Amino acid sequence: MCEVMLGSAGYVTHLDVPLNAIRYTNQTLTCNYDLGADALYTIKWYFNDEEFFRYTPSEDPMIAAFNNSNLQVIMEESEENKVVLREVDLTASGQYKCEVGRDWPEFTYDDKTANMTVVVIPNERPRIEGVVDGHFRVDDLVKLNCTAAPSMPAAAMKWIINDVDAPKEYLREYSHVKTADGLYISTLGLNFKLTKGHFKQGELKLKCTATIEALYHKVEEHSQVNPTGTVVRELPPEGSLVTANGPPSSGSETMCSALLERLAALHVVLLLSVHLLR
């Protein structure tokens, strides 16, 4: 939650706008004020400087919404200092302003702004692509790509070799691919020739991570313990959901009913562990 507080000079005391909002979830914006003994004339809400909602206690009805192709207000849940947006899409990212007006005889206004970004967190783990026939050996050429599922914002990719970040000269960077619905696909390549120094006690570990800020964390481990057999074990999800509206919730909750259950870090690790054949 992005919370803006004012000092004594202003009478908008709190403006709460989700800093990050999961796509297609309802979002609540609140604006608190203190006019002292003065009466309230109106509260107006703006999105990118265009008014979309108004509360005026002297009018009937007291609330009114204005056409905006980027937003849809849930009227039955919105009131004096609260406006609820229905299933926000990417176009709802931007600046929100709450403007509070004193009634006669002052007719003065105070306002505060905050930004909200609509995010898309993929359910899928990143995917390692390339040929891994049995076991890697000394002098083999590693040529792999790691690709994250579509997201907004784009995922930051990283390769890790034996728990150490891969040298820059091993990496091949690709431009983000933008999908038809405005999401981004990130890919990072790993190209290098194996030497004896890459094997630690006969074992080579390759990790690919995809991170989206601090929004979601998930782990998958793949262990290859012999040339003919493969054991795959899925570890429990780690980390917690960092929400804008309340305390952290368990990272194992995969379906969000709101931002409370979906906002947190995508840190997906795909670990490839292979033993050197002797």
C-alpha atoms as a PDB file:
ATOM      1  CA  MET A   1       0.000   0.000   0.000  1.00  0.00           C
ATOM      2  CA  CYS A   2       1.238   3.445  -0.862  1.00  0.00           C
ATOM      3  CA  GLU A   3       0.337   5.643   2.089  1.00  0.00           C
ATOM      4  CA  VAL A   4       0.739   9.402   1.886  1.00  0.00           C
ATOM      5  CA  MET A   5       0.494  11.489   5.054  1.00  0.00           C
ATOM      6  CA  LEU A   6       0.323  15.244   5.356  1.00  0.00           C
ATOM      7  CA  GLY A   7       1.523  17.604   8.024  1.00  0.00           C
ATOM      8  CA  SER A   8      -0.651  20.197   9.737  1.00  0.00           C
ATOM      9  CA  ALA A   9      -0.682  22.454   6.674  1.00  0.00           C
ATOM     10  CA  GLY A  10      -3.022  20.140   4.741  1.00  0.00           C
ATOM     11  CA  TYR A  11      -6.331  18.560   5.695  1.00  0.00           C
ATOM     12  CA  VAL A  12      -6.011  15.404   3.593  1.00  0.00           C
ATOM     13  CA  THR A  13      -4.497  13.295   6.374  1.00  0.00           C
ATOM     14  CA  HIS A  14      -4.080   9.905   4.656  1.00  0.00           C
ATOM     15  CA  LEU A  15      -4.184   8.692   1.056  1.00  0.00           C
ATOM     16  CA  ASP A  16      -3.986   4.925   0.695  1.00  0.00           C
ATOM     17  CA  VAL A  17      -3.479   3.558  -2.818  1.00  0.00           C
ATOM     18  CA  PRO A  18      -2.106   0.057  -3.558  1.00  0.00           C
ATOM     19  CA  LEU A  19       1.457   0.401  -4.767  1.00  0.00           C
ATOM     20  CA  ASN A  20       1.126  -2.827  -6.781  1.00  0.00           C
ATOM     21  CA  ALA A  21      -2.180  -4.393  -7.769  1.00  0.00           C
ATOM     22  CA  ILE A  22      -2.682  -7.851  -9.223  1.00  0.00           C
ATOM     23  CA  ARG A  23      -4.374  -7.741 -12.618  1.00  0.00           C
ATOM     24  CA  TYR A  24      -8.126  -8.508 -12.627  1.00  0.00           C
ATOM     25  CA  THR A  25      -8.564  -7.971  -8.880  1.00  0.00           C
ATOM     26  CA  ASN A  26     -10.729  -5.371  -7.136  1.00  0.00           C
ATOM     27  CA  GLN A  27      -8.772  -2.564  -5.487  1.00  0.00           C
ATOM     28  CA  THR A  28      -9.784  -0.147  -2.726  1.00  0.00           C
ATOM     29  CA  LEU A  29      -8.510   3.428  -2.526  1.00  0.00           C
ATOM     30  CA  THR A  30      -9.138   5.469   0.624  1.00  0.00           C
ATOM     31  CA  CYS A  31      -8.784   9.151   1.389  1.00  0.00           C
ATOM     32  CA  ASN A  32      -9.048  10.450   4.967  1.00  0.00           C
ATOM     33  CA  TYR A  33      -9.285  14.103   5.916  1.00  0.00           C
ATOM     34  CA  ASP A  34      -9.741  16.430   8.888  1.00  0.00           C
ATOM     35  CA  LEU A  35     -11.620  19.675   8.341  1.00  0.00           C
ATOM     36  CA  GLY A  36     -11.953  20.520  12.010  1.00  0.00           C
ATOM     37  CA  ALA A  37     -15.179  22.458  12.555  1.00  0.00           C
ATOM     38  CA  ASP A  38     -15.639  23.167   8.844  1.00  0.00           C
ATOM     39  CA  ALA A  39     -18.105  21.269   6.680  1.00  0.00           C
ATOM     40  CA  LEU A  40     -17.220  19.086   3.724  1.00  0.00           C
ATOM     41  CA  TYR A  41     -18.229  20.324   0.286  1.00  0.00           C
ATOM     42  CA  THR A  42     -16.941  17.516  -1.939  1.00  0.00           C
ATOM     43  CA  ILE A  43     -14.347  14.778  -2.438  1.00  0.00           C
ATOM     44  CA  LYS A  44     -13.129  14.192  -5.985  1.00  0.00           C
ATOM     45  CA  TRP A  45     -11.006  11.341  -7.319  1.00  0.00           C
ATOM     46  CA  TYR A  46      -8.793  11.717 -10.393  1.00  0.00           C
ATOM     47  CA  PHE A  47      -6.903   9.204 -12.525  1.00  0.00           C
ATOM     48  CA  ASN A  48      -4.077  10.815 -14.495  1.00  0.00           C
ATOM     49  CA  ASP A  49      -5.735  14.213 -13.893  1.00  0.00           C
ATOM     50  CA  GLU A  50      -9.141  13.058 -15.198  1.00  0.00           C
ATOM     51  CA  GLU A  51     -11.988  12.979 -12.659  1.00  0.00           C
ATOM     52  CA  PHE A  52     -13.660   9.581 -12.358  1.00  0.00           C
ATOM     53  CA  PHE A  53     -15.524   9.653  -9.014  1.00  0.00           C
ATOM     54  CA  ARG A  54     -17.108  12.281  -6.773  1.00  0.00           C
ATOM     55  CA  TYR A  55     -18.782  12.431  -3.375  1.00  0.00           C
ATOM     56  CA  THR A  56     -20.889  15.510  -2.596  1.00  0.00           C
ATOM     57  CA  PRO A  57     -23.055  15.237   0.557  1.00  0.00           C
ATOM     58  CA  SER A  58     -25.330  18.129  -0.455  1.00  0.00           C
ATOM     59  CA  GLU A  59     -26.387  16.446  -3.703  1.00  0.00           C
ATOM     60  CA  ASP A  60     -28.767  13.588  -4.435  1.00  0.00           C
ATOM     61  CA  PRO A  61     -27.379  11.085  -5.138  1.00  0.00           C
ATOM     62  CA  MET A  62     -24.290  11.901  -3.124  1.00  0.00           C
ATOM     63  CA  ILE A  63     -21.935   9.778  -5.240  1.00  0.00           C
ATOM     64  CA  ALA A  64     -21.292   9.941  -8.965  1.00  0.00           C
ATOM     65  CA  ALA A  65     -18.933   8.153 -11.333  1.00  0.00           C
ATOM     66  CA  PHE A  66     -17.701   9.535 -14.637  1.00  0.00           C
ATOM     67  CA  ASN A  67     -16.897   7.563 -17.767  1.00  0.00           C
ATOM     68  CA  ASN A  68     -13.311   6.397 -17.933  1.00  0.00           C
ATOM     69  CA  SER A  69     -12.297   3.599 -20.284  1.00  0.00           C
ATOM     70  CA  ASN A  70      -9.462   2.571 -17.955  1.00  0.00           C
ATOM     71  CA  LEU A  71     -11.495   2.157 -14.754  1.00  0.00           C
ATOM     72  CA  GLN A  72     -14.789   0.767 -13.520  1.00  0.00           C
ATOM     73  CA  VAL A  73     -16.063   1.873 -10.112  1.00  0.00           C
ATOM     74  CA  ILE A  74     -18.110  -0.487  -7.927  1.00  0.00           C
ATOM     75  CA  MET A  75     -20.719   2.056  -6.865  1.00  0.00           C
ATOM     76  CA  GLU A  76     -22.392  -0.055  -4.174  1.00  0.00           C
ATOM     77  CA  GLU A  77     -19.066  -0.421  -2.327  1.00  0.00           C
ATOM     78  CA  SER A  78     -17.812   3.149  -2.763  1.00  0.00           C
ATOM     79  CA  GLU A  79     -18.637   5.933  -0.321  1.00  0.00           C
ATOM     80  CA  GLU A  80     -17.471   9.199   1.248  1.00  0.00           C
ATOM     81  CA  ASN A  81     -13.758   8.490   1.589  1.00  0.00           C
ATOM     82  CA  LYS A  82     -13.476   5.194  -0.269  1.00  0.00           C
ATOM     83  CA  VAL A  83     -13.637   4.182  -3.921  1.00  0.00           C
ATOM     84  CA  VAL A  84     -13.482   0.558  -5.070  1.00  0.00           C
ATOM     85  CA  LEU A  85     -12.242  -0.337  -8.555  1.00  0.00           C
ATOM     86  CA  ARG A  86     -13.474  -3.465 -10.302  1.00  0.00           C
ATOM     87  CA  GLU A  87     -10.980  -5.986 -11.743  1.00  0.00           C
ATOM     88  CA  VAL A  88      -8.230  -3.544 -12.664  1.00  0.00           C
ATOM     89  CA  ASP A  89      -6.365  -4.092 -15.930  1.00  0.00           C
ATOM     90  CA  LEU A  90      -2.945  -2.869 -17.029  1.00  0.00           C
ATOM     91  CA  THR A  91      -4.496   0.397 -18.183  1.00  0.00           C
ATOM     92  CA  ALA A  92      -5.314   1.211 -14.548  1.00  0.00           C
ATOM     93  CA  SER A  93      -1.628   1.844 -13.832  1.00  0.00           C
ATOM     94  CA  GLY A  94      -0.988   5.508 -13.223  1.00  0.00           C
ATOM     95  CA  GLN A  95      -1.425   8.425 -10.824  1.00  0.00           C
ATOM     96  CA  TYR A  96      -4.423   8.741  -8.512  1.00  0.00           C
ATOM     97  CA  LYS A  97      -5.406  11.967  -6.765  1.00  0.00           C
ATOM     98  CA  CYS A  98      -7.844  12.648  -3.955  1.00  0.00           C
ATOM     99  CA  GLU A  99      -9.080  16.243  -3.717  1.00  0.00           C
ATOM    100  CA  VAL A 100     -11.051  17.409  -0.666  1.00  0.00           C
ATOM    101  CA  GLY A 101     -13.029  20.674  -0.721  1.00  0.00           C
ATOM    102  CA  ARG A 102     -14.250  22.739   2.245  1.00  0.00           C
ATOM    103  CA  ASP A 103     -17.806  24.046   2.148  1.00  0.00           C
ATOM    104  CA  TRP A 104     -18.931  27.693   2.262  1.00  0.00           C
ATOM    105  CA  PRO A 105     -17.558  30.192   3.090  1.00  0.00           C
ATOM    106  CA  GLU A 106     -14.042  28.815   2.556  1.00  0.00           C
ATOM    107  CA  PHE A 107     -14.407  26.757  -0.636  1.00  0.00           C
ATOM    108  CA  THR A 108     -10.724  25.797  -0.449  1.00  0.00           C
ATOM    109  CA  TYR A 109      -9.226  22.536  -1.665  1.00  0.00           C
ATOM    110  CA  ASP A 110      -6.426  20.221  -0.597  1.00  0.00           C
ATOM    111  CA  ASP A 111      -5.222  17.166  -2.498  1.00  0.00           C
ATOM    112  CA  LYS A 112      -2.678  14.389  -2.479  1.00  0.00           C
ATOM    113  CA  THR A 113      -1.501  11.950  -5.148  1.00  0.00           C
ATOM    114  CA  ALA A 114      -0.107   8.405  -5.242  1.00  0.00           C
ATOM    115  CA  ASN A 115       0.801   5.940  -7.986  1.00  0.00           C
ATOM    116  CA  MET A 116      -0.492   2.419  -8.566  1.00  0.00           C
ATOM    117  CA  THR A 117       1.030  -0.184 -10.901  1.00  0.00           C
ATOM    118  CA  VAL A 118      -0.969  -3.178 -12.088  1.00  0.00           C
ATOM    119  CA  VAL A 119       1.221  -6.281 -12.175  1.00  0.00           C
ATOM    120  CA  VAL A 120       0.942  -9.765 -13.673  1.00  0.00           C
ATOM    121  CA  ILE A 121       2.712 -12.538 -11.763  1.00  0.00           C
ATOM    122  CA  PRO A 122       3.050 -15.816 -13.685  1.00  0.00           C
ATOM    123  CA  ASN A 123       2.125 -19.118 -12.078  1.00  0.00           C
ATOM    124  CA  GLU A 124       4.715 -21.015 -14.102  1.00  0.00           C
ATOM    125  CA  ARG A 125       8.328 -21.485 -13.171  1.00  0.00           C
ATOM    126  CA  PRO A 126      11.036 -20.363 -15.609  1.00  0.00           C
ATOM    127  CA  ARG A 127      11.890 -22.928 -18.280  1.00  0.00           C
ATOM    128  CA  ILE A 128      15.390 -24.156 -19.109  1.00  0.00           C
ATOM    129  CA  GLU A 129      15.746 -24.996 -22.795  1.00  0.00           C
ATOM    130  CA  GLY A 130      18.645 -26.794 -24.430  1.00  0.00           C
ATOM    131  CA  VAL A 131      20.155 -30.245 -24.855  1.00  0.00           C
ATOM    132  CA  VAL A 132      21.217 -32.127 -21.747  1.00  0.00           C
ATOM    133  CA  ASP A 133      21.985 -35.710 -22.798  1.00  0.00           C
ATOM    134  CA  GLY A 134      22.705 -37.779 -19.714  1.00  0.00           C
ATOM    135  CA  HIS A 135      25.576 -36.077 -17.914  1.00  0.00           C
ATOM    136  CA  PHE A 136      27.802 -33.172 -18.772  1.00  0.00           C
ATOM    137  CA  ARG A 137      31.507 -33.970 -19.087  1.00  0.00           C
ATOM    138  CA  VAL A 138      34.688 -31.948 -19.202  1.00  0.00           C
ATOM    139  CA  ASP A 139      35.028 -30.163 -22.585  1.00  0.00           C
ATOM    140  CA  ASP A 140      31.251 -30.322 -23.196  1.00  0.00           C
ATOM    141  CA  LEU A 141      29.676 -27.103 -24.443  1.00  0.00           C
ATOM    142  CA  VAL A 142      26.847 -25.820 -22.244  1.00  0.00           C
ATOM    143  CA  LYS A 143      24.337 -23.971 -24.376  1.00  0.00           C
ATOM    144  CA  LEU A 144      21.103 -23.295 -22.507  1.00  0.00           C
ATOM    145  CA  ASN A 145      18.382 -20.664 -22.422  1.00  0.00           C
ATOM    146  CA  CYS A 146      16.246 -19.782 -19.432  1.00  0.00           C
ATOM    147  CA  THR A 147      12.870 -18.231 -20.237  1.00  0.00           C
ATOM    148  CA  ALA A 148      10.367 -16.739 -17.814  1.00  0.00           C
ATOM    149  CA  ALA A 149       6.618 -16.884 -18.359  1.00  0.00           C
ATOM    150  CA  PRO A 150       4.902 -13.664 -19.535  1.00  0.00           C
ATOM    151  CA  SER A 151       4.692 -11.058 -16.783  1.00  0.00           C
ATOM    152  CA  MET A 152       4.355  -7.371 -16.003  1.00  0.00           C
ATOM    153  CA  PRO A 153       6.866  -5.966 -15.263  1.00  0.00           C
ATOM    154  CA  ALA A 154       9.450  -8.071 -17.066  1.00  0.00           C
ATOM    155  CA  ALA A 155      11.321 -10.621 -14.966  1.00  0.00           C
ATOM    156  CA  ALA A 156      15.019 -10.130 -14.206  1.00  0.00           C
ATOM    157  CA  MET A 157      16.966 -13.259 -15.171  1.00  0.00           C
ATOM    158  CA  LYS A 158      20.111 -14.739 -13.647  1.00  0.00           C
ATOM    159  CA  TRP A 159      22.262 -17.838 -14.137  1.00  0.00           C
ATOM    160  CA  ILE A 160      24.143 -19.328 -11.170  1.00  0.00           C
ATOM    161  CA  ILE A 161      26.895 -21.948 -11.472  1.00  0.00           C
ATOM    162  CA  ASN A 162      27.698 -23.894  -8.299  1.00  0.00           C
ATOM    163  CA  ASP A 163      26.076 -21.186  -6.152  1.00  0.00           C
ATOM    164  CA  VAL A 164      28.098 -18.394  -7.797  1.00  0.00           C
ATOM    165  CA  ASP A 165      26.712 -15.896 -10.318  1.00  0.00           C
ATOM    166  CA  ALA A 166      27.737 -16.869 -13.837  1.00  0.00           C
ATOM    167  CA  PRO A 167      30.463 -14.629 -15.338  1.00  0.00           C
ATOM    168  CA  LYS A 168      29.159 -12.022 -17.731  1.00  0.00           C
ATOM    169  CA  GLU A 169      31.111 -13.555 -20.614  1.00  0.00           C
ATOM    170  CA  TYR A 170      29.080 -16.763 -20.206  1.00  0.00           C
ATOM    171  CA  LEU A 171      25.772 -14.948 -20.674  1.00  0.00           C
ATOM    172  CA  ARG A 172      23.792 -14.148 -23.777  1.00  0.00           C
ATOM    173  CA  GLU A 173      21.226 -11.412 -23.323  1.00  0.00           C
ATOM    174  CA  TYR A 174      18.037 -11.198 -25.359  1.00  0.00           C
ATOM    175  CA  SER A 175      15.576  -8.349 -25.736  1.00  0.00           C
ATOM    176  CA  HIS A 176      12.264  -8.727 -23.948  1.00  0.00           C
ATOM    177  CA  VAL A 177       9.467 -10.058 -26.130  1.00  0.00           C
ATOM    178  CA  LYS A 178       6.150  -8.206 -25.774  1.00  0.00           C
ATOM    179  CA  THR A 179       3.010 -10.310 -26.064  1.00  0.00           C
ATOM    180  CA  ALA A 180      -0.249  -9.275 -27.706  1.00  0.00           C
ATOM    181  CA  ASP A 181      -1.800  -8.479 -24.316  1.00  0.00           C
ATOM    182  CA  GLY A 182       1.042  -6.233 -23.190  1.00  0.00           C
ATOM    183  CA  LEU A 183       3.102  -8.646 -21.079  1.00  0.00           C
ATOM    184  CA  TYR A 184       6.833  -9.305 -21.354  1.00  0.00           C
ATOM    185  CA  ILE A 185       8.824 -12.527 -21.826  1.00  0.00           C
ATOM    186  CA  SER A 186      12.399 -12.517 -20.535  1.00  0.00           C
ATOM    187  CA  THR A 187      15.130 -14.902 -21.719  1.00  0.00           C
ATOM    188  CA  LEU A 188      18.797 -15.230 -20.735  1.00  0.00           C
ATOM    189  CA  GLY A 189      21.258 -17.598 -22.390  1.00  0.00           C
ATOM    190  CA  LEU A 190      24.169 -19.494 -20.839  1.00  0.00           C
ATOM    191  CA  ASN A 191      27.047 -20.495 -23.151  1.00  0.00           C
ATOM    192  CA  PHE A 192      30.410 -21.820 -21.960  1.00  0.00           C
ATOM    193  CA  LYS A 193      32.788 -24.784 -22.209  1.00  0.00           C
ATOM    194  CA  LEU A 194      33.115 -27.038 -19.189  1.00  0.00           C
ATOM    195  CA  THR A 195      36.477 -27.533 -17.490  1.00  0.00           C
ATOM    196  CA  LYS A 196      37.473 -29.682 -14.520  1.00  0.00           C
ATOM    197  CA  GLY A 197      37.199 -26.590 -12.356  1.00  0.00           C
ATOM    198  CA  HIS A 198      33.450 -26.428 -12.964  1.00  0.00           C
ATOM    199  CA  PHE A 199      32.901 -29.731 -11.169  1.00  0.00           C
ATOM    200  CA  LYS A 200      32.853 -29.622  -7.390  1.00  0.00           C
ATOM    201  CA  GLN A 201      33.458 -33.106  -6.002  1.00  0.00           C
ATOM    202  CA  GLY A 202      32.149 -34.527  -9.254  1.00  0.00           C
ATOM    203  CA  GLU A 203      29.024 -32.385  -9.280  1.00  0.00           C
ATOM    204  CA  LEU A 204      27.916 -29.486 -11.456  1.00  0.00           C
ATOM    205  CA  LYS A 205      25.035 -27.268 -10.379  1.00  0.00           C
ATOM    206  CA  LEU A 206      23.279 -24.843 -12.707  1.00  0.00           C
ATOM    207  CA  LYS A 207      20.545 -22.531 -11.459  1.00  0.00           C
ATOM    208  CA  CYS A 208      18.297 -20.201 -13.378  1.00  0.00           C
ATOM    209  CA  THR A 209      16.401 -17.550 -11.430  1.00  0.00           C
ATOM    210  CA  ALA A 210      13.652 -15.207 -12.561  1.00  0.00           C
ATOM    211  CA  THR A 211      12.783 -12.363 -10.215  1.00  0.00           C
ATOM    212  CA  ILE A 212      10.004  -9.803 -10.323  1.00  0.00           C
ATOM    213  CA  GLU A 213      10.881  -7.180  -7.747  1.00  0.00           C
ATOM    214  CA  ALA A 214       9.829  -8.549  -4.341  1.00  0.00           C
ATOM    215  CA  LEU A 215       6.522  -9.984  -5.400  1.00  0.00           C
ATOM    216  CA  TYR A 216       6.620 -13.769  -5.379  1.00  0.00           C
ATOM    217  CA  HIS A 217       8.932 -16.606  -4.394  1.00  0.00           C
ATOM    218  CA  LYS A 218       8.792 -20.231  -5.525  1.00  0.00           C
ATOM    219  CA  VAL A 219      11.348 -23.043  -5.788  1.00  0.00           C
ATOM    220  CA  GLU A 220      11.679 -26.115  -7.995  1.00  0.00           C
ATOM    221  CA  GLU A 221      14.587 -28.568  -7.777  1.00  0.00           C
ATOM    222  CA  HIS A 222      15.650 -31.105 -10.402  1.00  0.00           C
ATOM    223  CA  SER A 223      18.273 -33.647  -9.323  1.00  0.00           C
ATOM    224  CA  GLN A 224      19.889 -36.121 -11.707  1.00  0.00           C
ATOM    225  CA  VAL A 225      21.715 -38.682  -9.641  1.00  0.00           C
ATOM    226  CA  ASN A 226      22.801 -41.227 -12.256  1.00  0.00           C
ATOM    227  CA  PRO A 227      22.960 -41.550 -16.068  1.00  0.00           C
ATOM    228  CA  THR A 228      19.729 -43.507 -16.398  1.00  0.00           C
ATOM    229  CA  GLY A 229      17.536 -42.362 -13.571  1.00  0.00           C
ATOM    230  CA  THR A 230      16.038 -39.005 -12.669  1.00  0.00           C
ATOM    231  CA  VAL A 231      14.546 -37.979  -9.367  1.00  0.00           C
ATOM    232  CA  VAL A 232      12.364 -34.885  -9.369  1.00  0.00           C
ATOM    233  CA  ARG A 233      11.366 -33.358  -6.073  1.00  0.00           C
ATOM    234  CA  GLU A 234       9.254 -30.241  -5.656  1.00  0.00           C
ATOM    235  CA  LEU A 235      10.209 -28.252  -2.599  1.00  0.00           C
ATOM    236  CA  PRO A 236       7.635 -26.419  -0.494  1.00  0.00           C
ATOM    237  CA  PRO A 237       7.088 -22.829  -1.634  1.00  0.00           C
ATOM    238  CA  GLU A 238       9.302 -20.429   0.249  1.00  0.00           C
ATOM    239  CA  GLY A 239       8.936 -16.784   1.152  1.00  0.00           C
ATOM    240  CA  SER A 240       5.725 -14.906   1.810  1.00  0.00           C
ATOM    241  CA  LEU A 241       3.313 -12.684   0.006  1.00  0.00           C
ATOM    242  CA  VAL A 242       4.055  -9.010   0.577  1.00  0.00           C
ATOM    243  CA  THR A 243       0.690  -7.303   0.450  1.00  0.00           C
ATOM    244  CA  ALA A 244      -0.367  -3.727   0.348  1.00  0.00           C
ATOM    245  CA  ASN A 245      -3.398  -4.097   2.553  1.00  0.00           C
ATOM    246  CA  GLY A 246      -2.357  -6.277   5.479  1.00  0.00           C
ATOM    247  CA  PRO A 247       0.095  -8.705   7.060  1.00  0.00           C
ATOM    248  CA  PRO A 248       2.016 -11.273   4.993  1.00  0.00           C
ATOM    249  CA  SER A 249       0.205 -14.490   4.115  1.00  0.00           C
ATOM    250  CA  SER A 250       1.567 -17.929   3.270  1.00  0.00           C
ATOM    251  CA  GLY A 251       3.444 -18.236  -0.031  1.00  0.00           C
ATOM    252  CA  SER A 252       1.657 -21.580  -0.668  1.00  0.00           C
ATOM    253  CA  GLU A 253      -1.589 -19.810  -1.440  1.00  0.00           C
ATOM    254  CA  THR A 254      -1.565 -19.800  -5.203  1.00  0.00           C
ATOM    255  CA  MET A 255      -4.948 -18.308  -6.040  1.00  0.00           C
ATOM    256  CA  CYS A 256      -5.484 -14.744  -4.946  1.00  0.00           C
ATOM    257  CA  SER A 257      -8.842 -13.318  -4.082  1.00  0.00           C
ATOM    258  CA  ALA A 258      -7.185  -9.924  -4.019  1.00  0.00           C
ATOM    259  CA  LEU A 259      -3.821  -8.338  -3.797  1.00  0.00           C
ATOM    260  CA  LEU A 260      -3.496  -9.772  -0.266  1.00  0.00           C
ATOM    261  CA  GLU A 261      -2.799 -13.266  -1.700  1.00  0.00           C
ATOM    262  CA  ARG A 262      -1.003 -12.597  -4.948  1.00  0.00           C
ATOM    263  CA  LEU A 263       1.422  -9.736  -4.365  1.00  0.00           C
ATOM    264  CA  ALA A 264       4.977 -10.711  -3.457  1.00  0.00           C
ATOM    265  CA  ALA A 265       8.281 -11.895  -5.223  1.00  0.00           C
ATOM    266  CA  LEU A 266       8.634 -14.177  -8.215  1.00  0.00           C
ATOM    267  CA  HIS A 267      11.956 -15.739  -7.464  1.00  0.00           C
ATOM    268  CA  VAL A 268      11.831 -18.995  -9.314  1.00  0.00           C
ATOM    269  CA  VAL A 269      14.875 -21.211  -9.192  1.00  0.00           C
ATOM    270  CA  LEU A 270      15.377 -24.134 -11.502  1.00  0.00           C
ATOM    271  CA  LEU A 271      18.331 -26.189 -10.259  1.00  0.00           C
ATOM    272  CA  LEU A 272      20.053 -28.673 -12.506  1.00  0.00           C
ATOM    273  CA  SER A 273      22.473 -30.906 -10.606  1.00  0.00           C
ATOM    274  CA  VAL A 274      24.493 -33.395 -12.586  1.00  0.00           C
ATOM    275  CA  HIS A 275      27.339 -35.642 -11.572  1.00  0.00           C
ATOM    276  CA  LEU A 276      30.540 -35.982 -13.558  1.00  0.00           C
ATOM    277  CA  LEU A 277      30.993 -39.453 -14.996  1.00  0.00           C
ATOM    278  CA  ARG A 278      34.325 -40.846 -14.094  1.00  0.00           C
END
